[in-house]
Amino acid sequence: MKAIIATDQAAGTAGLKLVERPEPQVAINDVIVEVHAAGFVPTELTWPSTWVDRVGRERTPSVPGHELAGVVTALGYGTTGLSVGQRVFGLTDWYRDGTLGEYVAVEARNLAPLPGEVDFAVGASLPISGLTAWQGLFQHGRLQAGQSILVHGAAGAVGAIAVQLARDFGAYVIGTGRSADRQKALEFGAQEFVDLQNDVLEDVGGVDLVYDVIGGDIGKRSAGLIRAGGTLVSIVGPVEARPADGLTIDFVVESNRAQLDEIVQRVRDGRLRTNIGNISTLDSAIATFNSTERRTGKTIIRIRP
């Protein structure tokens, strides 16, 4: 099968190669998925799990990519809840070969059914962005209807979904980003927008929840915006500044079939739109990853037409 591999950590995306690889073999509790579309997060080339296994042994060449949508072609012993020929989508294990190939072996528990009305490219754009938004808002941020939330990077892949979920839940949503992102953030449902290049962040006043995808100085300043009892949730590592009378939480997204079901149903019902910035083919994926053009939104690799 065709697959993209990573062999040189120092080279980043420039070190990726498209090669022929053996198709994966099905194991206990696994399924084999014929990949129709896959997502890729460039920062995964800095994650230890891309280069070593859980006990620290080198595992290169590794296949990157951890989001997929496709069709189940084989079931391992003990697999339940899925069937051959079923459309699925999900988030694969960080320490296993990923989704930038024509086939992938995935633990069945990491997959959810993909409704026929949802395109494979849309399905592949949901797992990391959707689960990260969902878990940050509801599992860690404990967002309540009527609360106010500041979503940094509101026009990005994760931020756009966080904005929509929070607004649908009944929160008052303030988005942030570059000046060029204003209209897109408002279209996704932000009720206000802060231009981080030209506006004063502190003019927002107090909010109940900050969802931070930026970190650095913006993350530090955001701590001062948290009302008493509020929460600062970060997906970019430990928080450097803490609210005077609130909580700080940083987390790594985890696969969750029930949450994937909740997210995809909202897509099917028209209540949630994904933010896809570019769709490429497997043959041209490496050039796409190395492009200098700035894109807001998710890059999706369509493996099959």
C-alpha atoms as a PDB file:
ATOM      1  CA  MET A   1       0.000   0.000   0.000  1.00  0.00           C
ATOM      2  CA  LYS A   2       1.019   3.633  -0.372  1.00  0.00           C
ATOM      3  CA  ALA A   3       1.803   5.430   2.873  1.00  0.00           C
ATOM      4  CA  ILE A   4       3.681   8.468   4.135  1.00  0.00           C
ATOM      5  CA  ILE A   5       6.463   7.738   6.625  1.00  0.00           C
ATOM      6  CA  ALA A   6       8.478   9.833   9.054  1.00  0.00           C
ATOM      7  CA  THR A   7      12.143   8.926   9.572  1.00  0.00           C
ATOM      8  CA  ASP A   8      13.952  12.153  10.478  1.00  0.00           C
ATOM      9  CA  GLN A   9      12.680  14.094  13.480  1.00  0.00           C
ATOM     10  CA  ALA A  10      14.966  17.072  12.885  1.00  0.00           C
ATOM     11  CA  ALA A  11      13.696  17.524   9.301  1.00  0.00           C
ATOM     12  CA  GLY A  12      10.044  18.009  10.285  1.00  0.00           C
ATOM     13  CA  THR A  13       7.553  17.802   7.431  1.00  0.00           C
ATOM     14  CA  ALA A  14      10.414  18.137   4.917  1.00  0.00           C
ATOM     15  CA  GLY A  15      11.594  14.683   6.010  1.00  0.00           C
ATOM     16  CA  LEU A  16       8.341  12.887   5.192  1.00  0.00           C
ATOM     17  CA  LYS A  17       8.389  10.360   2.335  1.00  0.00           C
ATOM     18  CA  LEU A  18       5.721   8.589   0.273  1.00  0.00           C
ATOM     19  CA  VAL A  19       6.611   4.886   0.030  1.00  0.00           C
ATOM     20  CA  GLU A  20       5.157   1.421  -0.503  1.00  0.00           C
ATOM     21  CA  ARG A  21       4.477  -0.439   2.749  1.00  0.00           C
ATOM     22  CA  PRO A  22       2.948  -3.807   3.603  1.00  0.00           C
ATOM     23  CA  GLU A  23      -0.715  -3.644   4.539  1.00  0.00           C
ATOM     24  CA  PRO A  24      -1.263  -3.877   8.305  1.00  0.00           C
ATOM     25  CA  GLN A  25      -2.388  -7.163   9.834  1.00  0.00           C
ATOM     26  CA  VAL A  26      -5.458  -7.378  12.035  1.00  0.00           C
ATOM     27  CA  ALA A  27      -4.882  -8.190  15.734  1.00  0.00           C
ATOM     28  CA  ILE A  28      -7.042  -8.881  18.773  1.00  0.00           C
ATOM     29  CA  ASN A  29      -9.613  -6.102  19.313  1.00  0.00           C
ATOM     30  CA  ASP A  30      -8.434  -4.353  16.137  1.00  0.00           C
ATOM     31  CA  VAL A  31     -10.121  -3.591  12.866  1.00  0.00           C
ATOM     32  CA  ILE A  32      -8.511  -2.830   9.526  1.00  0.00           C
ATOM     33  CA  VAL A  33      -9.885   0.315   7.927  1.00  0.00           C
ATOM     34  CA  GLU A  34      -9.602   1.196   4.255  1.00  0.00           C
ATOM     35  CA  VAL A  35      -8.807   4.884   4.686  1.00  0.00           C
ATOM     36  CA  HIS A  36     -10.796   7.284   2.516  1.00  0.00           C
ATOM     37  CA  ALA A  37      -9.677  10.515   4.199  1.00  0.00           C
ATOM     38  CA  ALA A  38      -7.177  11.386   6.909  1.00  0.00           C
ATOM     39  CA  GLY A  39      -6.235  14.354   9.058  1.00  0.00           C
ATOM     40  CA  PHE A  40      -2.735  15.465   9.975  1.00  0.00           C
ATOM     41  CA  VAL A  41      -1.474  17.819  12.689  1.00  0.00           C
ATOM     42  CA  PRO A  42       2.058  19.061  11.874  1.00  0.00           C
ATOM     43  CA  THR A  43       2.964  19.332  15.562  1.00  0.00           C
ATOM     44  CA  GLU A  44       2.740  15.547  15.891  1.00  0.00           C
ATOM     45  CA  LEU A  45       6.245  15.398  14.380  1.00  0.00           C
ATOM     46  CA  THR A  46       7.452  16.884  17.687  1.00  0.00           C
ATOM     47  CA  TRP A  47       5.571  14.376  19.848  1.00  0.00           C
ATOM     48  CA  PRO A  48       7.693  11.599  21.426  1.00  0.00           C
ATOM     49  CA  SER A  49       4.997   9.060  20.484  1.00  0.00           C
ATOM     50  CA  THR A  50       5.771   9.597  16.787  1.00  0.00           C
ATOM     51  CA  TRP A  51       9.342   8.368  17.282  1.00  0.00           C
ATOM     52  CA  VAL A  52       9.348   5.902  20.173  1.00  0.00           C
ATOM     53  CA  ASP A  53       6.986   3.337  21.657  1.00  0.00           C
ATOM     54  CA  ARG A  54       5.546   3.383  25.164  1.00  0.00           C
ATOM     55  CA  VAL A  55       8.754   2.020  26.719  1.00  0.00           C
ATOM     56  CA  GLY A  56      11.026   4.407  24.832  1.00  0.00           C
ATOM     57  CA  ARG A  57      12.225   2.159  22.003  1.00  0.00           C
ATOM     58  CA  GLU A  58      12.639   3.710  18.561  1.00  0.00           C
ATOM     59  CA  ARG A  59       9.767   2.841  16.228  1.00  0.00           C
ATOM     60  CA  THR A  60      10.674   4.633  13.002  1.00  0.00           C
ATOM     61  CA  PRO A  61       9.843   4.630  10.189  1.00  0.00           C
ATOM     62  CA  SER A  62       6.397   5.517  11.496  1.00  0.00           C
ATOM     63  CA  VAL A  63       3.254   6.484   9.603  1.00  0.00           C
ATOM     64  CA  PRO A  64       1.923   9.827  10.917  1.00  0.00           C
ATOM     65  CA  GLY A  65      -1.682  11.018  11.011  1.00  0.00           C
ATOM     66  CA  HIS A  66      -4.198  10.076  13.704  1.00  0.00           C
ATOM     67  CA  GLU A  67      -7.579  11.034  12.269  1.00  0.00           C
ATOM     68  CA  LEU A  68      -9.443   8.996   9.710  1.00  0.00           C
ATOM     69  CA  ALA A  69     -12.692   8.220   7.996  1.00  0.00           C
ATOM     70  CA  GLY A  70     -13.088   5.061   5.967  1.00  0.00           C
ATOM     71  CA  VAL A  71     -14.601   1.605   5.690  1.00  0.00           C
ATOM     72  CA  VAL A  72     -13.948  -1.451   7.876  1.00  0.00           C
ATOM     73  CA  THR A  73     -12.417  -4.300   5.828  1.00  0.00           C
ATOM     74  CA  ALA A  74     -11.454  -6.820   8.536  1.00  0.00           C
ATOM     75  CA  LEU A  75     -12.219  -7.573  12.185  1.00  0.00           C
ATOM     76  CA  GLY A  76      -9.785  -8.944  14.758  1.00  0.00           C
ATOM     77  CA  TYR A  77     -10.669 -11.569  17.341  1.00  0.00           C
ATOM     78  CA  GLY A  78     -12.798 -10.111  20.124  1.00  0.00           C
ATOM     79  CA  THR A  79     -13.888  -7.055  18.180  1.00  0.00           C
ATOM     80  CA  THR A  80     -17.429  -5.930  18.965  1.00  0.00           C
ATOM     81  CA  GLY A  81     -19.659  -3.068  17.924  1.00  0.00           C
ATOM     82  CA  LEU A  82     -18.438  -2.790  14.309  1.00  0.00           C
ATOM     83  CA  SER A  83     -18.869  -4.811  11.132  1.00  0.00           C
ATOM     84  CA  VAL A  84     -17.098  -5.336   7.821  1.00  0.00           C
ATOM     85  CA  GLY A  85     -18.256  -2.770   5.267  1.00  0.00           C
ATOM     86  CA  GLN A  86     -19.246  -0.212   7.909  1.00  0.00           C
ATOM     87  CA  ARG A  87     -18.362   3.462   7.459  1.00  0.00           C
ATOM     88  CA  VAL A  88     -16.376   4.699  10.472  1.00  0.00           C
ATOM     89  CA  PHE A  89     -14.305   7.611  11.705  1.00  0.00           C
ATOM     90  CA  GLY A  90     -12.116   8.149  14.711  1.00  0.00           C
ATOM     91  CA  LEU A  91      -8.860   8.909  16.465  1.00  0.00           C
ATOM     92  CA  THR A  92      -6.042   6.351  16.385  1.00  0.00           C
ATOM     93  CA  ASP A  93      -3.517   5.536  19.101  1.00  0.00           C
ATOM     94  CA  TRP A  94      -0.608   7.989  19.328  1.00  0.00           C
ATOM     95  CA  TYR A  95       1.977   5.176  19.551  1.00  0.00           C
ATOM     96  CA  ARG A  96       0.858   3.167  16.520  1.00  0.00           C
ATOM     97  CA  ASP A  97       1.225   3.705  12.788  1.00  0.00           C
ATOM     98  CA  GLY A  98      -1.308   6.283  11.734  1.00  0.00           C
ATOM     99  CA  THR A  99      -3.707   7.177   8.985  1.00  0.00           C
ATOM    100  CA  LEU A 100      -1.644   8.666   6.147  1.00  0.00           C
ATOM    101  CA  GLY A 101      -1.793   5.410   4.231  1.00  0.00           C
ATOM    102  CA  GLU A 102      -4.301   3.375   2.283  1.00  0.00           C
ATOM    103  CA  TYR A 103      -5.045   1.057   5.227  1.00  0.00           C
ATOM    104  CA  VAL A 104      -4.629   1.296   8.993  1.00  0.00           C
ATOM    105  CA  ALA A 105      -5.065  -1.042  11.965  1.00  0.00           C
ATOM    106  CA  VAL A 106      -7.098   0.603  14.728  1.00  0.00           C
ATOM    107  CA  GLU A 107      -8.470  -0.508  18.068  1.00  0.00           C
ATOM    108  CA  ALA A 108     -12.206  -0.845  17.539  1.00  0.00           C
ATOM    109  CA  ARG A 109     -12.985   1.212  20.649  1.00  0.00           C
ATOM    110  CA  ASN A 110     -11.356   4.255  18.999  1.00  0.00           C
ATOM    111  CA  LEU A 111     -13.865   4.306  16.131  1.00  0.00           C
ATOM    112  CA  ALA A 112     -17.470   5.422  15.802  1.00  0.00           C
ATOM    113  CA  PRO A 113     -19.996   4.884  12.996  1.00  0.00           C
ATOM    114  CA  LEU A 114     -19.958   7.574  10.309  1.00  0.00           C
ATOM    115  CA  PRO A 115     -23.469   8.346   9.012  1.00  0.00           C
ATOM    116  CA  GLY A 116     -23.925   8.010   5.272  1.00  0.00           C
ATOM    117  CA  GLU A 117     -24.913  11.673   4.997  1.00  0.00           C
ATOM    118  CA  VAL A 118     -21.478  12.796   6.257  1.00  0.00           C
ATOM    119  CA  ASP A 119     -18.671  12.962   3.683  1.00  0.00           C
ATOM    120  CA  PHE A 120     -15.440  11.100   4.452  1.00  0.00           C
ATOM    121  CA  ALA A 121     -13.411  14.343   4.311  1.00  0.00           C
ATOM    122  CA  VAL A 122     -15.724  15.918   6.891  1.00  0.00           C
ATOM    123  CA  GLY A 123     -15.519  12.797   9.044  1.00  0.00           C
ATOM    124  CA  ALA A 124     -11.723  12.885   9.010  1.00  0.00           C
ATOM    125  CA  SER A 125     -11.735  16.536  10.087  1.00  0.00           C
ATOM    126  CA  LEU A 126     -13.687  15.825  13.275  1.00  0.00           C
ATOM    127  CA  PRO A 127     -11.768  13.551  15.682  1.00  0.00           C
ATOM    128  CA  ILE A 128      -8.967  15.754  17.040  1.00  0.00           C
ATOM    129  CA  SER A 129     -10.684  19.121  16.573  1.00  0.00           C
ATOM    130  CA  GLY A 130     -14.090  17.893  17.699  1.00  0.00           C
ATOM    131  CA  LEU A 131     -12.963  15.870  20.704  1.00  0.00           C
ATOM    132  CA  THR A 132     -10.507  18.563  21.801  1.00  0.00           C
ATOM    133  CA  ALA A 133     -13.257  21.176  21.694  1.00  0.00           C
ATOM    134  CA  TRP A 134     -15.819  18.926  23.398  1.00  0.00           C
ATOM    135  CA  GLN A 135     -13.537  17.769  26.198  1.00  0.00           C
ATOM    136  CA  GLY A 136     -12.144  21.244  26.826  1.00  0.00           C
ATOM    137  CA  LEU A 137     -15.576  22.836  27.070  1.00  0.00           C
ATOM    138  CA  PHE A 138     -17.668  20.248  28.837  1.00  0.00           C
ATOM    139  CA  GLN A 139     -15.402  17.685  30.497  1.00  0.00           C
ATOM    140  CA  HIS A 140     -12.685  20.020  31.782  1.00  0.00           C
ATOM    141  CA  GLY A 141     -14.212  23.501  31.529  1.00  0.00           C
ATOM    142  CA  ARG A 142     -17.634  22.371  32.801  1.00  0.00           C
ATOM    143  CA  LEU A 143     -19.313  25.026  30.712  1.00  0.00           C
ATOM    144  CA  GLN A 144     -22.837  25.958  31.762  1.00  0.00           C
ATOM    145  CA  ALA A 145     -25.590  27.610  29.731  1.00  0.00           C
ATOM    146  CA  GLY A 146     -25.598  31.352  30.286  1.00  0.00           C
ATOM    147  CA  GLN A 147     -21.883  31.574  31.056  1.00  0.00           C
ATOM    148  CA  SER A 148     -19.441  33.672  29.036  1.00  0.00           C
ATOM    149  CA  ILE A 149     -16.486  32.098  27.258  1.00  0.00           C
ATOM    150  CA  LEU A 150     -13.450  33.502  25.476  1.00  0.00           C
ATOM    151  CA  VAL A 151     -12.256  31.207  22.668  1.00  0.00           C
ATOM    152  CA  HIS A 152      -8.779  31.968  21.367  1.00  0.00           C
ATOM    153  CA  GLY A 153      -8.104  31.055  17.736  1.00  0.00           C
ATOM    154  CA  ALA A 154     -11.814  31.148  16.990  1.00  0.00           C
ATOM    155  CA  ALA A 155     -11.310  30.749  13.229  1.00  0.00           C
ATOM    156  CA  GLY A 156      -8.993  27.751  13.537  1.00  0.00           C
ATOM    157  CA  ALA A 157      -9.824  24.055  13.300  1.00  0.00           C
ATOM    158  CA  VAL A 158     -10.354  23.545  17.044  1.00  0.00           C
ATOM    159  CA  GLY A 159     -11.533  27.068  17.875  1.00  0.00           C
ATOM    160  CA  ALA A 160     -14.274  27.106  15.246  1.00  0.00           C
ATOM    161  CA  ILE A 161     -15.810  23.939  16.662  1.00  0.00           C
ATOM    162  CA  ALA A 162     -15.464  25.216  20.230  1.00  0.00           C
ATOM    163  CA  VAL A 163     -17.282  28.413  19.246  1.00  0.00           C
ATOM    164  CA  GLN A 164     -20.167  26.501  17.680  1.00  0.00           C
ATOM    165  CA  LEU A 165     -20.530  23.988  20.522  1.00  0.00           C
ATOM    166  CA  ALA A 166     -20.442  26.707  23.183  1.00  0.00           C
ATOM    167  CA  ARG A 167     -22.968  28.868  21.333  1.00  0.00           C
ATOM    168  CA  ASP A 168     -25.274  25.891  20.751  1.00  0.00           C
ATOM    169  CA  PHE A 169     -25.036  25.093  24.464  1.00  0.00           C
ATOM    170  CA  GLY A 170     -26.284  28.573  25.375  1.00  0.00           C
ATOM    171  CA  ALA A 171     -23.043  30.349  26.297  1.00  0.00           C
ATOM    172  CA  TYR A 172     -22.073  33.891  25.334  1.00  0.00           C
ATOM    173  CA  VAL A 173     -19.072  33.461  23.040  1.00  0.00           C
ATOM    174  CA  ILE A 174     -16.231  35.898  22.436  1.00  0.00           C
ATOM    175  CA  GLY A 175     -13.730  34.837  19.791  1.00  0.00           C
ATOM    176  CA  THR A 176     -10.178  36.020  19.206  1.00  0.00           C
ATOM    177  CA  GLY A 177      -7.706  35.845  16.355  1.00  0.00           C
ATOM    178  CA  ARG A 178      -6.003  37.919  13.696  1.00  0.00           C
ATOM    179  CA  SER A 179      -7.830  40.749  12.013  1.00  0.00           C
ATOM    180  CA  ALA A 180      -8.324  38.627   8.884  1.00  0.00           C
ATOM    181  CA  ASP A 181     -10.173  36.012  10.975  1.00  0.00           C
ATOM    182  CA  ARG A 182     -12.928  38.295  12.259  1.00  0.00           C
ATOM    183  CA  GLN A 183     -15.601  37.503   9.688  1.00  0.00           C
ATOM    184  CA  LYS A 184     -14.998  33.768   9.796  1.00  0.00           C
ATOM    185  CA  ALA A 185     -15.189  33.677  13.600  1.00  0.00           C
ATOM    186  CA  LEU A 186     -18.459  35.621  13.560  1.00  0.00           C
ATOM    187  CA  GLU A 187     -19.867  33.291  10.905  1.00  0.00           C
ATOM    188  CA  PHE A 188     -19.100  30.327  13.141  1.00  0.00           C
ATOM    189  CA  GLY A 189     -21.138  31.951  15.921  1.00  0.00           C
ATOM    190  CA  ALA A 190     -18.914  34.231  17.983  1.00  0.00           C
ATOM    191  CA  GLN A 191     -20.989  37.118  19.325  1.00  0.00           C
ATOM    192  CA  GLU A 192     -17.950  39.362  19.739  1.00  0.00           C
ATOM    193  CA  PHE A 193     -14.457  39.279  18.264  1.00  0.00           C
ATOM    194  CA  VAL A 194     -11.156  40.536  19.662  1.00  0.00           C
ATOM    195  CA  ASP A 195      -8.467  41.313  17.098  1.00  0.00           C
ATOM    196  CA  LEU A 196      -5.304  40.270  18.937  1.00  0.00           C
ATOM    197  CA  GLN A 197      -3.203  42.429  16.607  1.00  0.00           C
ATOM    198  CA  ASN A 198      -5.073  45.682  17.167  1.00  0.00           C
ATOM    199  CA  ASP A 199      -7.540  45.398  20.065  1.00  0.00           C
ATOM    200  CA  VAL A 200      -6.806  45.289  23.794  1.00  0.00           C
ATOM    201  CA  LEU A 201      -7.544  41.820  25.151  1.00  0.00           C
ATOM    202  CA  GLU A 202      -8.192  43.108  28.647  1.00  0.00           C
ATOM    203  CA  ASP A 203     -11.099  45.225  27.364  1.00  0.00           C
ATOM    204  CA  VAL A 204     -13.121  41.991  27.264  1.00  0.00           C
ATOM    205  CA  GLY A 205     -13.624  42.260  31.007  1.00  0.00           C
ATOM    206  CA  GLY A 206     -14.394  39.141  33.036  1.00  0.00           C
ATOM    207  CA  VAL A 207     -15.412  35.760  31.615  1.00  0.00           C
ATOM    208  CA  ASP A 208     -16.320  32.422  33.166  1.00  0.00           C
ATOM    209  CA  LEU A 209     -14.158  30.292  30.879  1.00  0.00           C
ATOM    210  CA  VAL A 210     -11.144  30.853  28.641  1.00  0.00           C
ATOM    211  CA  TYR A 211     -10.382  28.210  26.015  1.00  0.00           C
ATOM    212  CA  ASP A 212      -6.736  28.733  25.067  1.00  0.00           C
ATOM    213  CA  VAL A 213      -5.158  27.285  21.929  1.00  0.00           C
ATOM    214  CA  ILE A 214      -2.376  29.902  21.761  1.00  0.00           C
ATOM    215  CA  GLY A 215      -0.477  29.997  25.079  1.00  0.00           C
ATOM    216  CA  GLY A 216       2.504  32.257  25.629  1.00  0.00           C
ATOM    217  CA  ASP A 217       1.806  35.885  26.469  1.00  0.00           C
ATOM    218  CA  ILE A 218      -1.848  35.584  25.418  1.00  0.00           C
ATOM    219  CA  GLY A 219      -2.306  32.660  27.786  1.00  0.00           C
ATOM    220  CA  LYS A 220      -0.715  34.574  30.663  1.00  0.00           C
ATOM    221  CA  ARG A 221      -2.862  37.647  30.096  1.00  0.00           C
ATOM    222  CA  SER A 222      -5.971  35.508  29.805  1.00  0.00           C
ATOM    223  CA  ALA A 223      -5.604  34.364  33.400  1.00  0.00           C
ATOM    224  CA  GLY A 224      -6.491  37.869  34.525  1.00  0.00           C
ATOM    225  CA  LEU A 225      -9.837  37.691  32.717  1.00  0.00           C
ATOM    226  CA  ILE A 226     -11.203  34.753  34.720  1.00  0.00           C
ATOM    227  CA  ARG A 227     -14.030  35.599  37.105  1.00  0.00           C
ATOM    228  CA  ALA A 228     -14.130  34.110  40.585  1.00  0.00           C
ATOM    229  CA  GLY A 229     -14.827  30.405  40.270  1.00  0.00           C
ATOM    230  CA  GLY A 230     -14.026  30.388  36.557  1.00  0.00           C
ATOM    231  CA  THR A 231     -11.623  28.211  34.577  1.00  0.00           C
ATOM    232  CA  LEU A 232      -8.754  28.631  32.144  1.00  0.00           C
ATOM    233  CA  VAL A 233      -8.480  25.562  29.896  1.00  0.00           C
ATOM    234  CA  SER A 234      -5.336  25.137  27.815  1.00  0.00           C
ATOM    235  CA  ILE A 235      -4.502  22.668  25.046  1.00  0.00           C
ATOM    236  CA  VAL A 236      -0.963  24.004  24.594  1.00  0.00           C
ATOM    237  CA  GLY A 237       0.676  22.713  27.754  1.00  0.00           C
ATOM    238  CA  PRO A 238       0.840  23.778  31.398  1.00  0.00           C
ATOM    239  CA  VAL A 239      -0.576  27.206  32.151  1.00  0.00           C
ATOM    240  CA  GLU A 240       2.107  29.741  33.132  1.00  0.00           C
ATOM    241  CA  ALA A 241      -0.198  32.174  34.966  1.00  0.00           C
ATOM    242  CA  ARG A 242      -3.136  31.278  37.155  1.00  0.00           C
ATOM    243  CA  PRO A 243      -6.369  33.154  37.870  1.00  0.00           C
ATOM    244  CA  ALA A 244      -6.549  34.838  41.255  1.00  0.00           C
ATOM    245  CA  ASP A 245      -9.676  32.887  42.198  1.00  0.00           C
ATOM    246  CA  GLY A 246     -10.204  30.188  39.579  1.00  0.00           C
ATOM    247  CA  LEU A 247      -8.932  26.942  38.093  1.00  0.00           C
ATOM    248  CA  THR A 248      -6.409  26.137  35.379  1.00  0.00           C
ATOM    249  CA  ILE A 249      -6.494  22.908  33.412  1.00  0.00           C
ATOM    250  CA  ASP A 250      -4.332  21.602  30.599  1.00  0.00           C
ATOM    251  CA  PHE A 251      -5.130  18.308  28.924  1.00  0.00           C
ATOM    252  CA  VAL A 252      -4.357  15.950  26.066  1.00  0.00           C
ATOM    253  CA  VAL A 253      -7.320  14.832  23.982  1.00  0.00           C
ATOM    254  CA  GLU A 254      -8.473  11.221  24.331  1.00  0.00           C
ATOM    255  CA  SER A 255     -10.549   9.050  22.047  1.00  0.00           C
ATOM    256  CA  ASN A 256     -14.161   8.638  23.141  1.00  0.00           C
ATOM    257  CA  ARG A 257     -16.773   6.875  21.005  1.00  0.00           C
ATOM    258  CA  ALA A 258     -19.768   8.383  22.803  1.00  0.00           C
ATOM    259  CA  GLN A 259     -18.425  11.904  22.295  1.00  0.00           C
ATOM    260  CA  LEU A 260     -17.667  11.194  18.629  1.00  0.00           C
ATOM    261  CA  ASP A 261     -21.292  10.101  18.256  1.00  0.00           C
ATOM    262  CA  GLU A 262     -22.514  13.348  19.839  1.00  0.00           C
ATOM    263  CA  ILE A 263     -20.294  15.433  17.566  1.00  0.00           C
ATOM    264  CA  VAL A 264     -21.140  13.691  14.296  1.00  0.00           C
ATOM    265  CA  GLN A 265     -24.867  13.822  15.011  1.00  0.00           C
ATOM    266  CA  ARG A 266     -24.586  17.588  15.265  1.00  0.00           C
ATOM    267  CA  VAL A 267     -22.833  17.642  11.897  1.00  0.00           C
ATOM    268  CA  ARG A 268     -25.536  15.464  10.360  1.00  0.00           C
ATOM    269  CA  ASP A 269     -28.261  17.679  11.817  1.00  0.00           C
ATOM    270  CA  GLY A 270     -26.640  20.847  10.472  1.00  0.00           C
ATOM    271  CA  ARG A 271     -25.848  22.247  13.926  1.00  0.00           C
ATOM    272  CA  LEU A 272     -22.070  21.964  13.521  1.00  0.00           C
ATOM    273  CA  ARG A 273     -19.739  22.768  10.615  1.00  0.00           C
ATOM    274  CA  THR A 274     -16.158  21.647  10.385  1.00  0.00           C
ATOM    275  CA  ASN A 275     -13.437  24.077   9.416  1.00  0.00           C
ATOM    276  CA  ILE A 276     -11.538  22.480   6.535  1.00  0.00           C
ATOM    277  CA  GLY A 277      -8.846  24.759   5.158  1.00  0.00           C
ATOM    278  CA  ASN A 278      -7.478  22.510   2.413  1.00  0.00           C
ATOM    279  CA  ILE A 279      -8.057  19.082   0.868  1.00  0.00           C
ATOM    280  CA  SER A 280      -5.155  17.322  -0.831  1.00  0.00           C
ATOM    281  CA  THR A 281      -4.403  13.856  -2.239  1.00  0.00           C
ATOM    282  CA  LEU A 282      -1.953  11.366  -0.766  1.00  0.00           C
ATOM    283  CA  ASP A 283       0.394  11.877  -3.719  1.00  0.00           C
ATOM    284  CA  SER A 284       0.569  15.637  -3.158  1.00  0.00           C
ATOM    285  CA  ALA A 285       0.262  15.589   0.645  1.00  0.00           C
ATOM    286  CA  ILE A 286       3.926  16.226   1.447  1.00  0.00           C
ATOM    287  CA  ALA A 287       4.019  19.303  -0.778  1.00  0.00           C
ATOM    288  CA  THR A 288       0.841  20.505   0.937  1.00  0.00           C
ATOM    289  CA  PHE A 289       2.352  20.029   4.395  1.00  0.00           C
ATOM    290  CA  ASN A 290       5.423  22.043   3.354  1.00  0.00           C
ATOM    291  CA  SER A 291       3.505  24.905   1.789  1.00  0.00           C
ATOM    292  CA  THR A 292       4.330  28.369   3.128  1.00  0.00           C
ATOM    293  CA  GLU A 293       0.783  29.587   2.502  1.00  0.00           C
ATOM    294  CA  ARG A 294      -1.137  30.392   5.693  1.00  0.00           C
ATOM    295  CA  ARG A 295      -4.405  28.520   5.997  1.00  0.00           C
ATOM    296  CA  THR A 296      -6.956  28.634   8.768  1.00  0.00           C
ATOM    297  CA  GLY A 297      -8.699  25.341   9.232  1.00  0.00           C
ATOM    298  CA  LYS A 298      -7.880  21.685   8.936  1.00  0.00           C
ATOM    299  CA  THR A 299      -5.787  20.062   6.212  1.00  0.00           C
ATOM    300  CA  ILE A 300      -7.396  16.829   5.017  1.00  0.00           C
ATOM    301  CA  ILE A 301      -5.762  14.196   2.845  1.00  0.00           C
ATOM    302  CA  ARG A 302      -8.244  12.369   0.644  1.00  0.00           C
ATOM    303  CA  ILE A 303      -6.766   8.912   0.172  1.00  0.00           C
ATOM    304  CA  ARG A 304      -9.479   7.660  -2.168  1.00  0.00           C
ATOM    305  CA  PRO A 305     -11.640   9.711  -4.581  1.00  0.00           C
END
